[in-house]
Protein backbone atom coordinates (compact mmCIF):
# COMPACT_ATOMS: atom_id res chain seq x y z
CA MET A 1 0.00 -0.02 0.02
CA ALA A 2 1.16 3.46 -0.87
CA GLU A 3 2.04 6.16 1.70
CA GLN A 4 -0.75 8.37 2.91
CA LEU A 5 -0.19 12.14 3.43
CA ILE A 6 -2.59 14.74 4.88
CA ILE A 7 -2.58 18.03 2.99
CA LYS A 8 -4.38 21.13 4.37
CA ALA A 9 -5.86 24.28 2.79
CA TYR A 10 -7.49 27.21 4.59
CA ALA A 11 -9.95 29.80 3.32
CA LYS A 12 -10.25 32.62 5.81
CA GLY A 13 -12.55 35.62 6.06
CA ILE A 14 -15.44 34.30 3.95
CA ASP A 15 -18.17 36.96 4.09
CA GLN A 16 -20.91 34.64 5.18
CA ALA A 17 -22.26 33.28 8.42
CA PRO A 18 -20.44 30.07 9.47
CA ARG A 19 -23.76 28.28 9.93
CA LYS A 20 -24.62 28.70 6.30
CA VAL A 21 -21.26 27.60 5.08
CA ALA A 22 -21.36 24.59 7.41
CA LEU A 23 -24.56 23.44 5.79
CA VAL A 24 -22.85 23.21 2.46
CA ALA A 25 -19.72 21.64 3.91
CA SER A 26 -21.71 18.86 5.50
CA LEU A 27 -22.94 17.80 2.05
CA ILE A 28 -19.41 16.67 1.02
CA ARG A 29 -17.84 15.37 4.20
CA ASN A 30 -15.92 12.05 3.68
CA ARG A 31 -16.20 12.00 -0.12
CA SER A 32 -13.71 11.94 -2.93
CA VAL A 33 -12.56 15.34 -4.22
CA ALA A 34 -14.02 14.65 -7.68
CA ASP A 35 -17.47 13.78 -6.22
CA ALA A 36 -17.43 16.77 -3.92
CA LEU A 37 -16.71 19.20 -6.78
CA VAL A 38 -19.58 17.77 -8.85
CA ILE A 39 -22.00 17.94 -5.88
CA LEU A 40 -20.99 21.55 -5.11
CA SER A 41 -21.28 22.67 -8.74
CA HIS A 42 -24.92 21.65 -8.60
CA THR A 43 -25.70 23.09 -5.19
CA PRO A 44 -27.81 26.29 -5.37
CA LYS A 45 -26.28 28.02 -2.31
CA ARG A 46 -24.01 31.04 -2.35
CA ALA A 47 -21.71 29.28 0.14
CA ALA A 48 -20.82 26.57 -2.43
CA GLN A 49 -18.36 28.85 -4.25
CA PRO A 50 -15.95 29.46 -1.35
CA VAL A 51 -16.11 25.75 -0.44
CA ILE A 52 -15.18 24.84 -4.08
CA LYS A 53 -12.28 27.25 -3.98
CA ALA A 54 -10.98 25.74 -0.73
CA ILE A 55 -11.18 22.18 -2.10
CA GLU A 56 -9.54 23.15 -5.35
CA SER A 57 -6.73 24.81 -3.34
CA ALA A 58 -6.24 21.70 -1.30
CA LYS A 59 -6.22 19.56 -4.44
CA ALA A 60 -3.62 21.81 -6.10
CA ASN A 61 -1.46 21.69 -2.96
CA ALA A 62 -1.65 17.90 -2.91
CA VAL A 63 -0.87 17.34 -6.63
CA ASN A 64 1.65 20.08 -7.36
CA THR A 65 3.56 20.40 -4.10
CA HIS A 66 3.35 16.92 -2.51
CA GLY A 67 3.06 14.76 -5.65
CA LEU A 68 -0.21 12.90 -4.77
CA ASP A 69 -2.32 11.19 -7.39
CA SER A 70 -5.37 13.35 -8.10
CA LYS A 71 -7.59 10.34 -8.69
CA THR A 72 -7.12 8.99 -5.15
CA LEU A 73 -7.80 12.25 -3.27
CA LEU A 74 -10.36 12.02 -0.46
CA ILE A 75 -11.66 14.75 1.83
CA SER A 76 -10.70 13.48 5.24
CA THR A 77 -11.73 16.65 7.20
CA ILE A 78 -13.72 19.67 6.32
CA SER A 79 -14.62 22.16 9.10
CA VAL A 80 -16.08 25.58 9.27
CA THR A 81 -15.35 27.89 12.18
CA ALA A 82 -16.35 31.41 13.00
CA GLY A 83 -14.01 34.09 11.81
CA ASP A 84 -13.70 37.71 12.79
CA ARG A 85 -16.80 39.79 13.33
CA LEU A 86 -17.00 43.28 11.86
CA LYS A 87 -18.97 45.64 14.06
CA ARG A 88 -21.19 47.98 12.04
CA PHE A 89 -24.17 50.28 12.56
CA LYS A 90 -27.37 50.58 10.61
CA PRO A 91 -29.25 53.94 10.54
CA ALA A 92 -32.66 53.88 12.18
CA SER A 93 -35.49 56.32 12.67
CA ARG A 94 -35.11 59.52 14.78
CA GLY A 95 -31.32 59.70 14.26
CA ARG A 96 -30.54 56.47 16.03
CA ALA A 97 -27.91 53.88 15.00
CA LEU A 98 -28.55 50.18 15.62
CA PRO A 99 -25.44 47.99 15.99
CA PHE A 100 -24.99 44.70 14.13
CA GLN A 101 -22.16 42.37 13.33
CA LYS A 102 -21.06 41.11 10.01
CA LYS A 103 -20.03 37.48 10.50
CA THR A 104 -17.20 35.74 8.62
CA ALA A 105 -16.27 32.09 8.33
CA ASN A 106 -13.02 30.14 8.07
CA ILE A 107 -12.94 26.85 6.09
CA LEU A 108 -10.31 24.09 6.73
CA VAL A 109 -10.03 21.37 4.17
CA GLU A 110 -7.74 18.32 4.79
CA VAL A 111 -7.16 15.97 1.82
CA THR A 112 -5.57 12.54 1.88
CA GLY A 113 -4.38 10.42 -1.04
CA ASP A 114 -1.75 8.05 -2.36
CA VAL A 115 1.71 9.31 -3.45
CA LYS A 116 2.38 8.81 -7.14
CA PRO A 117 5.07 6.21 -7.75
CA LYS A 118 8.22 7.88 -8.90
CA LYS A 119 9.51 6.97 -12.36
CA LYS A 120 12.93 5.47 -12.69
CA PRO A 121 15.46 7.84 -14.23
CA ALA A 122 16.12 7.23 -17.85
CA ALA A 123 19.33 5.52 -18.93
CA LYS A 124 22.00 8.07 -19.93
CA ALA A 125 22.19 8.47 -23.69
CA VAL A 126 25.84 9.50 -23.44
CA SER A 127 26.98 6.07 -22.49
CA ALA A 128 25.25 4.61 -25.53
CA GLU A 129 27.05 7.02 -27.85
CA LYS A 130 30.41 6.19 -26.41
CA LYS A 131 29.94 2.47 -27.09
CA GLU A 132 29.05 3.19 -30.77
CA THR A 133 32.19 5.28 -31.35
CA LYS A 134 34.58 2.59 -29.94
């Protein structure tokens, strides 16, 4: 069996409430990356786009940086936590200002997969040329 690695990707400061993003994240928990991307592309929620970006970032990290096989990638963990809250005021009648908070979310995606087998280095062509000249 091939070696398993865990690759992480974060998406921070998503301008949506964490509860709404967590609903979308729960649709794809413990699925393959390819299945998750198909499910999210057909999900009619605004929160699907940031989750897609986080998964694609984790996939790119796994394939390009760590050399994992893209066909074997599985989402081992996806969690949504509360991010910073921006304190704002909304104008109200009679010159008042009513406070409210703009909520943000952080998405953590962990991907596991098998490492691609490394190819053997090609035989040197220089040694073949030396034999022909002798």
